[in-house]
Amino acid sequence: MSETQTHRDIPLKRRTLYFQNIDQILEEADRLASGDYQKCADWSLGQNCHHLATWMVMCMDGLPHFPMILRILIRAVFNKDKILQKGFKPGMNVRGKLKKLEPTSDITDETGLEALHKAVERFRHEPKLPAHPLLGKMSDDDWLQLHLRHAEHHLGMIHPM
């Protein structure tokens, strides 16, 4: 399980993934961890897994508070149903409070993968928050769809070799 950097004339593009259940997230992460991989963005497999785990746990433990004006603007720009069905667009630049939630460079693949496995286990059994601070009311299935789309986005940036 290691990251391989190669010099290519054409940069890798994000893979298109589609997860239908939470087990598929773990299966893909474990598959990627079982061999060498290339990344098409800045984060390693471990950092991506840790990021996914952090956000998954927050839907149970609580998310950062956002000012009302920001919540209104985000809800006007982001369509919850579209995100839950079609996923995230690449290139989102995180600032402010959310910047603190980015994984650090010292997170290993093993550490990130372990965090993801623990988060998924909690997600299976614990109650979720009734609302997302930026997307509004969320059912348990909405939370699941959000995490599936989020994992497609991040694990799609890792290419098995």
N, C-alpha and C. Protein backbone atom coordinates (compact mmCIF):
# COMPACT_ATOMS: atom_id res chain seq x y z
N MET A 1 0.86 -1.16 0.00
CA MET A 1 0.00 0.00 0.00
C MET A 1 0.89 1.21 0.00
N SER A 2 1.07 1.77 -1.15
CA SER A 2 1.92 2.96 -1.20
C SER A 2 1.52 3.84 -2.37
N GLU A 3 1.86 5.09 -2.18
CA GLU A 3 1.59 6.09 -3.20
C GLU A 3 2.76 6.10 -4.18
N THR A 4 2.44 6.08 -5.43
CA THR A 4 3.47 6.15 -6.46
C THR A 4 3.27 7.42 -7.25
N GLN A 5 4.30 8.21 -7.33
CA GLN A 5 4.23 9.43 -8.13
C GLN A 5 4.98 9.16 -9.43
N THR A 6 4.34 9.42 -10.53
CA THR A 6 5.02 9.27 -11.81
C THR A 6 4.96 10.60 -12.54
N HIS A 7 5.88 10.80 -13.42
CA HIS A 7 5.87 12.00 -14.24
C HIS A 7 5.16 11.65 -15.54
N ARG A 8 4.05 12.30 -15.76
CA ARG A 8 3.25 12.02 -16.95
C ARG A 8 3.03 13.32 -17.71
N ASP A 9 2.93 13.20 -19.02
CA ASP A 9 2.62 14.37 -19.83
C ASP A 9 1.17 14.80 -19.63
N ILE A 10 0.30 13.82 -19.38
CA ILE A 10 -1.12 14.10 -19.20
C ILE A 10 -1.49 13.77 -17.76
N PRO A 11 -2.00 14.74 -17.01
CA PRO A 11 -2.35 14.45 -15.62
C PRO A 11 -3.53 13.48 -15.55
N LEU A 12 -3.54 12.69 -14.49
CA LEU A 12 -4.66 11.77 -14.27
C LEU A 12 -5.93 12.56 -14.00
N LYS A 13 -7.04 12.02 -14.45
CA LYS A 13 -8.34 12.61 -14.16
C LYS A 13 -9.02 11.78 -13.09
N ARG A 14 -9.94 12.40 -12.41
CA ARG A 14 -10.69 11.71 -11.36
C ARG A 14 -11.50 10.57 -11.97
N ARG A 15 -11.45 9.41 -11.32
CA ARG A 15 -12.24 8.27 -11.77
C ARG A 15 -13.70 8.51 -11.42
N THR A 16 -14.60 7.99 -12.24
CA THR A 16 -16.02 8.06 -11.95
C THR A 16 -16.42 6.81 -11.19
N LEU A 17 -16.85 6.99 -9.97
CA LEU A 17 -17.31 5.87 -9.13
C LEU A 17 -18.78 6.08 -8.82
N TYR A 18 -19.49 4.99 -8.53
CA TYR A 18 -20.87 5.10 -8.08
C TYR A 18 -21.10 4.04 -7.01
N PHE A 19 -21.26 4.50 -5.77
CA PHE A 19 -21.51 3.60 -4.65
C PHE A 19 -23.00 3.55 -4.35
N GLN A 20 -23.50 2.34 -4.13
CA GLN A 20 -24.90 2.17 -3.79
C GLN A 20 -25.11 1.88 -2.31
N ASN A 21 -24.04 1.49 -1.62
CA ASN A 21 -24.15 1.24 -0.19
C ASN A 21 -22.81 1.53 0.49
N ILE A 22 -22.85 1.61 1.78
CA ILE A 22 -21.66 2.03 2.54
C ILE A 22 -20.56 0.98 2.51
N ASP A 23 -20.93 -0.28 2.34
CA ASP A 23 -19.91 -1.33 2.25
C ASP A 23 -19.00 -1.13 1.04
N GLN A 24 -19.55 -0.59 -0.03
CA GLN A 24 -18.76 -0.37 -1.24
C GLN A 24 -17.67 0.68 -1.02
N ILE A 25 -17.90 1.63 -0.11
CA ILE A 25 -16.86 2.60 0.23
C ILE A 25 -15.66 1.87 0.82
N LEU A 26 -15.93 1.01 1.81
CA LEU A 26 -14.85 0.28 2.46
C LEU A 26 -14.16 -0.69 1.50
N GLU A 27 -14.94 -1.35 0.66
CA GLU A 27 -14.36 -2.27 -0.32
C GLU A 27 -13.39 -1.54 -1.24
N GLU A 28 -13.77 -0.37 -1.72
CA GLU A 28 -12.91 0.39 -2.63
C GLU A 28 -11.68 0.90 -1.90
N ALA A 29 -11.86 1.43 -0.70
CA ALA A 29 -10.71 1.93 0.08
C ALA A 29 -9.74 0.79 0.39
N ASP A 30 -10.26 -0.36 0.78
CA ASP A 30 -9.40 -1.52 1.07
C ASP A 30 -8.68 -1.99 -0.19
N ARG A 31 -9.37 -1.99 -1.31
CA ARG A 31 -8.77 -2.39 -2.58
C ARG A 31 -7.62 -1.45 -2.95
N LEU A 32 -7.85 -0.16 -2.81
CA LEU A 32 -6.80 0.81 -3.11
C LEU A 32 -5.61 0.66 -2.16
N ALA A 33 -5.90 0.33 -0.91
CA ALA A 33 -4.83 0.19 0.09
C ALA A 33 -4.02 -1.08 -0.11
N SER A 34 -4.55 -2.02 -0.87
CA SER A 34 -3.88 -3.32 -1.03
C SER A 34 -2.72 -3.29 -2.02
N GLY A 35 -2.53 -2.18 -2.70
CA GLY A 35 -1.44 -2.11 -3.69
C GLY A 35 -0.98 -0.69 -3.89
N ASP A 36 -0.16 -0.50 -4.90
CA ASP A 36 0.32 0.84 -5.24
C ASP A 36 -0.80 1.63 -5.91
N TYR A 37 -0.71 2.93 -5.80
CA TYR A 37 -1.71 3.79 -6.43
C TYR A 37 -1.07 5.09 -6.87
N GLN A 38 -1.80 5.78 -7.72
CA GLN A 38 -1.44 7.14 -8.13
C GLN A 38 -2.57 8.04 -7.71
N LYS A 39 -2.25 9.28 -7.43
CA LYS A 39 -3.27 10.24 -7.04
C LYS A 39 -3.34 11.35 -8.09
N CYS A 40 -4.53 11.87 -8.29
CA CYS A 40 -4.68 12.94 -9.27
C CYS A 40 -4.97 14.28 -8.58
N ALA A 41 -4.79 14.30 -7.27
CA ALA A 41 -4.93 15.54 -6.50
C ALA A 41 -3.87 15.52 -5.39
N ASP A 42 -3.97 16.42 -4.46
CA ASP A 42 -2.91 16.58 -3.46
C ASP A 42 -2.89 15.52 -2.37
N TRP A 43 -4.03 14.97 -2.01
CA TRP A 43 -4.11 14.10 -0.83
C TRP A 43 -3.81 12.64 -1.16
N SER A 44 -3.17 11.96 -0.21
CA SER A 44 -2.92 10.52 -0.31
C SER A 44 -4.21 9.76 -0.01
N LEU A 45 -4.17 8.46 -0.20
CA LEU A 45 -5.32 7.62 0.15
C LEU A 45 -5.66 7.79 1.63
N GLY A 46 -4.65 7.78 2.48
CA GLY A 46 -4.89 7.93 3.91
C GLY A 46 -5.54 9.25 4.26
N GLN A 47 -5.08 10.31 3.64
CA GLN A 47 -5.68 11.63 3.89
C GLN A 47 -7.12 11.68 3.41
N ASN A 48 -7.40 11.11 2.24
CA ASN A 48 -8.77 11.07 1.74
C ASN A 48 -9.67 10.26 2.66
N CYS A 49 -9.20 9.10 3.10
CA CYS A 49 -10.00 8.26 4.00
C CYS A 49 -10.24 8.97 5.33
N HIS A 50 -9.22 9.63 5.85
CA HIS A 50 -9.36 10.35 7.12
C HIS A 50 -10.37 11.49 6.97
N HIS A 51 -10.31 12.19 5.86
CA HIS A 51 -11.26 13.28 5.59
C HIS A 51 -12.69 12.73 5.54
N LEU A 52 -12.89 11.63 4.84
CA LEU A 52 -14.22 11.03 4.77
C LEU A 52 -14.71 10.61 6.16
N ALA A 53 -13.81 10.03 6.95
CA ALA A 53 -14.16 9.60 8.31
C ALA A 53 -14.55 10.79 9.18
N THR A 54 -13.78 11.86 9.08
CA THR A 54 -14.05 13.06 9.89
C THR A 54 -15.45 13.58 9.61
N TRP A 55 -15.80 13.71 8.34
CA TRP A 55 -17.13 14.23 7.99
C TRP A 55 -18.24 13.25 8.34
N MET A 56 -17.96 11.96 8.24
CA MET A 56 -18.98 10.97 8.59
C MET A 56 -19.29 11.04 10.08
N VAL A 57 -18.28 11.16 10.89
CA VAL A 57 -18.47 11.24 12.35
C VAL A 57 -19.22 12.52 12.73
N MET A 58 -18.96 13.59 12.00
CA MET A 58 -19.63 14.86 12.33
C MET A 58 -21.14 14.80 12.13
N CYS A 59 -21.64 13.92 11.28
CA CYS A 59 -23.09 13.85 11.10
C CYS A 59 -23.76 13.21 12.32
N MET A 60 -22.95 12.65 13.20
CA MET A 60 -23.47 12.08 14.45
C MET A 60 -23.12 12.96 15.64
N ASP A 61 -21.90 13.52 15.64
CA ASP A 61 -21.40 14.29 16.79
C ASP A 61 -21.66 15.78 16.69
N GLY A 62 -21.92 16.27 15.49
CA GLY A 62 -22.16 17.69 15.30
C GLY A 62 -21.20 18.29 14.29
N LEU A 63 -21.71 19.22 13.53
CA LEU A 63 -20.92 19.91 12.51
C LEU A 63 -20.61 21.32 12.98
N PRO A 64 -19.64 21.97 12.34
CA PRO A 64 -19.32 23.35 12.72
C PRO A 64 -20.53 24.26 12.54
N HIS A 65 -20.60 25.28 13.37
CA HIS A 65 -21.68 26.28 13.24
C HIS A 65 -21.29 27.28 12.15
N PHE A 66 -22.25 27.64 11.34
CA PHE A 66 -22.03 28.62 10.29
C PHE A 66 -22.99 29.79 10.50
N PRO A 67 -22.54 31.01 10.25
CA PRO A 67 -23.43 32.17 10.39
C PRO A 67 -24.65 32.05 9.47
N MET A 68 -25.76 32.60 9.90
CA MET A 68 -27.03 32.51 9.16
C MET A 68 -26.88 32.98 7.71
N ILE A 69 -26.17 34.08 7.49
CA ILE A 69 -26.04 34.61 6.13
C ILE A 69 -25.33 33.60 5.23
N LEU A 70 -24.31 32.92 5.76
CA LEU A 70 -23.59 31.91 4.99
C LEU A 70 -24.51 30.72 4.69
N ARG A 71 -25.29 30.30 5.68
CA ARG A 71 -26.22 29.17 5.46
C ARG A 71 -27.22 29.51 4.36
N ILE A 72 -27.73 30.72 4.37
CA ILE A 72 -28.71 31.14 3.35
C ILE A 72 -28.05 31.16 1.97
N LEU A 73 -26.85 31.71 1.89
CA LEU A 73 -26.15 31.78 0.60
C LEU A 73 -25.82 30.40 0.06
N ILE A 74 -25.33 29.51 0.93
CA ILE A 74 -24.97 28.15 0.50
C ILE A 74 -26.21 27.42 0.01
N ARG A 75 -27.30 27.53 0.74
CA ARG A 75 -28.53 26.84 0.33
C ARG A 75 -29.05 27.38 -0.99
N ALA A 76 -28.78 28.65 -1.25
CA ALA A 76 -29.21 29.24 -2.53
C ALA A 76 -28.35 28.74 -3.68
N VAL A 77 -27.07 28.47 -3.42
CA VAL A 77 -26.14 28.06 -4.47
C VAL A 77 -26.14 26.54 -4.66
N PHE A 78 -26.14 25.79 -3.56
CA PHE A 78 -26.05 24.33 -3.63
C PHE A 78 -27.44 23.73 -3.50
N ASN A 79 -27.78 22.89 -4.42
CA ASN A 79 -29.05 22.19 -4.39
C ASN A 79 -28.83 20.83 -3.72
N LYS A 80 -29.42 20.65 -2.54
CA LYS A 80 -29.21 19.42 -1.77
C LYS A 80 -29.55 18.18 -2.60
N ASP A 81 -30.67 18.19 -3.26
CA ASP A 81 -31.08 17.00 -4.04
C ASP A 81 -30.08 16.70 -5.15
N LYS A 82 -29.56 17.74 -5.80
CA LYS A 82 -28.58 17.54 -6.86
C LYS A 82 -27.30 16.93 -6.30
N ILE A 83 -26.84 17.43 -5.16
CA ILE A 83 -25.64 16.87 -4.53
C ILE A 83 -25.86 15.42 -4.14
N LEU A 84 -27.02 15.11 -3.55
CA LEU A 84 -27.30 13.74 -3.10
C LEU A 84 -27.40 12.77 -4.28
N GLN A 85 -27.82 13.27 -5.44
CA GLN A 85 -27.97 12.40 -6.60
C GLN A 85 -26.73 12.37 -7.50
N LYS A 86 -26.13 13.53 -7.72
CA LYS A 86 -25.04 13.61 -8.70
C LYS A 86 -23.66 13.81 -8.10
N GLY A 87 -23.60 14.17 -6.84
CA GLY A 87 -22.30 14.29 -6.19
C GLY A 87 -21.69 15.67 -6.24
N PHE A 88 -20.39 15.70 -5.99
CA PHE A 88 -19.64 16.94 -5.84
C PHE A 88 -18.81 17.23 -7.09
N LYS A 89 -18.62 18.49 -7.36
CA LYS A 89 -17.74 18.90 -8.44
C LYS A 89 -16.33 19.05 -7.88
N PRO A 90 -15.32 18.69 -8.66
CA PRO A 90 -13.95 18.84 -8.18
C PRO A 90 -13.53 20.30 -8.09
N GLY A 91 -12.50 20.53 -7.28
CA GLY A 91 -11.91 21.85 -7.22
C GLY A 91 -12.47 22.76 -6.15
N MET A 92 -13.18 22.22 -5.18
CA MET A 92 -13.72 23.05 -4.11
C MET A 92 -12.57 23.53 -3.22
N ASN A 93 -12.48 24.83 -3.05
CA ASN A 93 -11.42 25.42 -2.24
C ASN A 93 -11.99 25.75 -0.87
N VAL A 94 -11.49 25.09 0.16
CA VAL A 94 -12.02 25.23 1.51
C VAL A 94 -11.25 26.34 2.24
N ARG A 95 -12.01 27.17 2.96
CA ARG A 95 -11.40 28.27 3.72
C ARG A 95 -12.01 28.32 5.12
N GLY A 96 -11.45 29.20 5.93
CA GLY A 96 -12.01 29.48 7.25
C GLY A 96 -12.04 28.28 8.17
N LYS A 97 -13.17 28.12 8.88
CA LYS A 97 -13.33 27.04 9.85
C LYS A 97 -13.09 25.67 9.23
N LEU A 98 -13.55 25.50 8.01
CA LEU A 98 -13.46 24.19 7.37
C LEU A 98 -12.02 23.82 7.02
N LYS A 99 -11.16 24.79 6.86
CA LYS A 99 -9.76 24.53 6.55
C LYS A 99 -9.12 23.68 7.65
N LYS A 100 -9.57 23.88 8.89
CA LYS A 100 -9.05 23.12 10.03
C LYS A 100 -9.40 21.63 9.92
N LEU A 101 -10.39 21.32 9.10
CA LEU A 101 -10.84 19.93 8.97
C LEU A 101 -10.09 19.16 7.88
N GLU A 102 -9.20 19.83 7.17
CA GLU A 102 -8.41 19.13 6.16
C GLU A 102 -7.40 18.22 6.84
N PRO A 103 -7.14 17.06 6.26
CA PRO A 103 -6.19 16.13 6.87
C PRO A 103 -4.76 16.67 6.80
N THR A 104 -3.97 16.36 7.81
CA THR A 104 -2.58 16.79 7.83
C THR A 104 -1.74 15.82 7.00
N SER A 105 -0.55 16.28 6.62
CA SER A 105 0.31 15.48 5.75
C SER A 105 0.91 14.26 6.44
N ASP A 106 0.84 14.20 7.76
CA ASP A 106 1.43 13.06 8.48
C ASP A 106 0.48 11.87 8.62
N ILE A 107 -0.73 11.96 8.07
CA ILE A 107 -1.68 10.84 8.16
C ILE A 107 -1.26 9.76 7.17
N THR A 108 -1.03 8.57 7.70
CA THR A 108 -0.63 7.44 6.86
C THR A 108 -1.85 6.79 6.24
N ASP A 109 -1.61 5.98 5.23
CA ASP A 109 -2.72 5.23 4.63
C ASP A 109 -3.39 4.34 5.67
N GLU A 110 -2.59 3.69 6.51
CA GLU A 110 -3.14 2.79 7.53
C GLU A 110 -4.02 3.55 8.52
N THR A 111 -3.54 4.71 8.97
CA THR A 111 -4.29 5.52 9.93
C THR A 111 -5.61 6.00 9.32
N GLY A 112 -5.55 6.50 8.11
CA GLY A 112 -6.76 6.98 7.46
C GLY A 112 -7.77 5.88 7.21
N LEU A 113 -7.28 4.72 6.77
CA LEU A 113 -8.17 3.59 6.51
C LEU A 113 -8.82 3.09 7.80
N GLU A 114 -8.05 3.04 8.86
CA GLU A 114 -8.60 2.62 10.16
C GLU A 114 -9.67 3.60 10.63
N ALA A 115 -9.43 4.90 10.48
CA ALA A 115 -10.42 5.90 10.87
C ALA A 115 -11.71 5.74 10.06
N LEU A 116 -11.57 5.45 8.77
CA LEU A 116 -12.75 5.27 7.92
C LEU A 116 -13.54 4.04 8.35
N HIS A 117 -12.88 2.94 8.63
CA HIS A 117 -13.58 1.74 9.09
C HIS A 117 -14.34 2.01 10.39
N LYS A 118 -13.72 2.71 11.33
CA LYS A 118 -14.38 3.03 12.60
C LYS A 118 -15.58 3.96 12.39
N ALA A 119 -15.42 4.94 11.52
CA ALA A 119 -16.52 5.88 11.25
C ALA A 119 -17.71 5.17 10.60
N VAL A 120 -17.43 4.28 9.66
CA VAL A 120 -18.51 3.54 9.00
C VAL A 120 -19.25 2.66 10.02
N GLU A 121 -18.52 2.04 10.91
CA GLU A 121 -19.16 1.20 11.93
C GLU A 121 -20.08 2.04 12.81
N ARG A 122 -19.62 3.21 13.21
CA ARG A 122 -20.48 4.11 14.00
C ARG A 122 -21.69 4.54 13.19
N PHE A 123 -21.46 4.89 11.92
CA PHE A 123 -22.54 5.37 11.05
C PHE A 123 -23.65 4.33 10.93
N ARG A 124 -23.26 3.08 10.90
CA ARG A 124 -24.26 2.00 10.77
C ARG A 124 -25.21 1.93 11.97
N HIS A 125 -24.73 2.32 13.15
CA HIS A 125 -25.48 2.04 14.38
C HIS A 125 -25.95 3.25 15.17
N GLU A 126 -25.40 4.41 14.91
CA GLU A 126 -25.72 5.57 15.74
C GLU A 126 -26.69 6.52 15.03
N PRO A 127 -27.49 7.24 15.82
CA PRO A 127 -28.41 8.22 15.21
C PRO A 127 -27.66 9.39 14.58
N LYS A 128 -28.25 9.90 13.51
CA LYS A 128 -27.67 11.03 12.79
C LYS A 128 -28.38 12.32 13.20
N LEU A 129 -27.75 13.44 12.94
CA LEU A 129 -28.36 14.74 13.22
C LEU A 129 -29.57 14.95 12.30
N PRO A 130 -30.56 15.69 12.76
CA PRO A 130 -31.74 15.91 11.92
C PRO A 130 -31.52 16.90 10.78
N ALA A 131 -30.41 17.65 10.83
CA ALA A 131 -30.18 18.65 9.78
C ALA A 131 -28.68 18.86 9.57
N HIS A 132 -28.35 19.25 8.36
CA HIS A 132 -27.00 19.66 8.00
C HIS A 132 -27.01 21.19 8.06
N PRO A 133 -25.96 21.81 8.65
CA PRO A 133 -26.01 23.27 8.80
C PRO A 133 -26.09 24.04 7.48
N LEU A 134 -25.65 23.44 6.39
CA LEU A 134 -25.70 24.14 5.11
C LEU A 134 -26.75 23.59 4.16
N LEU A 135 -27.10 22.32 4.29
CA LEU A 135 -28.04 21.70 3.36
C LEU A 135 -29.45 21.58 3.91
N GLY A 136 -29.62 21.81 5.21
CA GLY A 136 -30.95 21.77 5.80
C GLY A 136 -31.33 20.39 6.32
N LYS A 137 -32.64 20.13 6.38
CA LYS A 137 -33.15 18.87 6.94
C LYS A 137 -32.55 17.67 6.21
N MET A 138 -32.21 16.65 6.99
CA MET A 138 -31.60 15.44 6.43
C MET A 138 -32.21 14.21 7.09
N SER A 139 -32.65 13.28 6.27
CA SER A 139 -33.08 11.97 6.78
C SER A 139 -31.84 11.08 6.87
N ASP A 140 -31.99 9.91 7.48
CA ASP A 140 -30.86 8.98 7.53
C ASP A 140 -30.41 8.60 6.12
N ASP A 141 -31.37 8.43 5.20
CA ASP A 141 -31.00 8.10 3.82
C ASP A 141 -30.30 9.28 3.14
N ASP A 142 -30.70 10.51 3.45
CA ASP A 142 -30.00 11.68 2.91
C ASP A 142 -28.55 11.68 3.36
N TRP A 143 -28.31 11.39 4.65
CA TRP A 143 -26.94 11.34 5.16
C TRP A 143 -26.15 10.25 4.43
N LEU A 144 -26.78 9.09 4.25
CA LEU A 144 -26.10 8.01 3.54
C LEU A 144 -25.73 8.45 2.13
N GLN A 145 -26.67 9.02 1.40
CA GLN A 145 -26.41 9.45 0.03
C GLN A 145 -25.31 10.51 0.00
N LEU A 146 -25.30 11.43 0.96
CA LEU A 146 -24.27 12.45 1.01
C LEU A 146 -22.89 11.81 1.19
N HIS A 147 -22.78 10.84 2.09
CA HIS A 147 -21.49 10.19 2.31
C HIS A 147 -21.07 9.31 1.14
N LEU A 148 -22.02 8.69 0.47
CA LEU A 148 -21.69 7.90 -0.73
C LEU A 148 -21.13 8.81 -1.82
N ARG A 149 -21.80 9.95 -2.06
CA ARG A 149 -21.33 10.88 -3.09
C ARG A 149 -19.97 11.47 -2.70
N HIS A 150 -19.80 11.79 -1.42
CA HIS A 150 -18.54 12.35 -0.94
C HIS A 150 -17.40 11.35 -1.15
N ALA A 151 -17.66 10.08 -0.84
CA ALA A 151 -16.64 9.04 -1.02
C ALA A 151 -16.32 8.82 -2.50
N GLU A 152 -17.33 8.86 -3.34
CA GLU A 152 -17.08 8.73 -4.79
C GLU A 152 -16.12 9.83 -5.25
N HIS A 153 -16.37 11.02 -4.77
CA HIS A 153 -15.54 12.17 -5.15
C HIS A 153 -14.09 11.97 -4.71
N HIS A 154 -13.87 11.63 -3.44
CA HIS A 154 -12.51 11.55 -2.93
C HIS A 154 -11.78 10.27 -3.34
N LEU A 155 -12.43 9.13 -3.29
CA LEU A 155 -11.75 7.89 -3.69
C LEU A 155 -11.53 7.84 -5.20
N GLY A 156 -12.34 8.61 -5.94
CA GLY A 156 -12.15 8.71 -7.38
C GLY A 156 -10.86 9.42 -7.76
N MET A 157 -10.25 10.09 -6.81
CA MET A 157 -8.99 10.80 -7.08
C MET A 157 -7.77 9.89 -6.90
N ILE A 158 -8.02 8.66 -6.52
CA ILE A 158 -6.95 7.68 -6.34
C ILE A 158 -7.09 6.61 -7.41
N HIS A 159 -6.02 6.35 -8.14
CA HIS A 159 -6.02 5.35 -9.20
C HIS A 159 -5.20 4.15 -8.78
N PRO A 160 -5.79 2.94 -8.79
CA PRO A 160 -4.99 1.75 -8.52
C PRO A 160 -4.00 1.52 -9.65
N MET A 161 -2.88 0.92 -9.34
CA MET A 161 -1.89 0.65 -10.39
C MET A 161 -1.86 -0.84 -10.68
